[in-house]
């Protein structure tokens, strides 16, 4: 399929050999617990996709990144989901690194090691729970000498077994006794008190390492916490906006890739009538074109609330179209295909979790309507 070939070419530019390595594995092995797909991702230099060249990365723009994630998702939806967590975390942190004085020397040191050591960063934000505010901390932080003690858990947390660093949103006491404020803690995955426990109970996306990460009295030094300052009161808001936009674009692109993989199979086999195949192609390509439109807007300078508005509209519209595409694709592949192998049914099932990532469509419709009418976009 031409558009999927374009995505594969982009993936080959940024992650040489990854498409071939993934395709060489049977689908059942790619998507199983303990799959080697994350190791293959590292071997292909995956950690550096969105990291600026100044830090050893490739500095992919939003359009290239969305293409890469589509290609990855077409072969391994688990890897697309897992790598999204690393990529959007990188996009957040390195956006702050561009501003002088916005990160501490200790934080910058960590960022300089990510690409050379292919260190993966997991996310402790709230993207796993549909009705939860993505900006609400799931981890408590208690001040202690030299830093904070963290307690709480993140479930599911993709990359839980392969991560080198966990980024966790926390509430820290406000300056001068003010209201608690949102901050971001950078937690070494080897920290005492950080443990990983089984959580994921379905075969769909089983290779994404989406387990429970628990923190019990985990010490984080003060200089490994990103928070606002009097000179930089917008620091955390900037971090939130960058992370939110990147997350929605990249996670949607991965699921769109899984649907494209199914569509390509139908077209290659010539299943169904030309009219049916045409309808399938329209659902699949229109969904991805919406995401590409949002990616181009961000690449070309759209920021802030307008960027969030555009990526959310693209995501929810794509979500509908992809559900229609996967249902039709399975129907056209037929009952014998369904009986003989579960691979295509699992690939189709791998598209559905897009609906479960916060913010939910139901919780977002009123803010989007208000924004369309001229009000600020308030997702809290």
Foldseek 3Di string as FASTA:
>chain_A
DVLLVVLVVLLCVFQPPLLVVLVVDPLLLLLAAVRCSVVSCLVSLNLQDCADVVLPHDNDALLSLLSPLLNVLLRHLLCLLLSLQQNLLNQLLNVQVVDPPQADPVSVVVSSVCRVVVAGEKEAFQFQFAADQRLDFQWEWDDDVQFTFIWGKGFFIFCLPRHQWYKGWYWDQDPPRDHTDIKIAIAGSPFPQWDWDADDDDSQSNHRSGTMITGDRGGGGPSRMRDADPVGNCSVVSSVFSSLLSSLLSSLSSLLSLLVSLLVVCVVVVFDDPVLNVLLVCLSVVLSVQSSVLSVCVSVPDTDQVSNLSSVVSLVSNLVSSLVNLVSSVVRVHDVVVVPDVSSVSSSVNNNCSCRTPHHPVLQVVLSVVVVVPDGRDSD
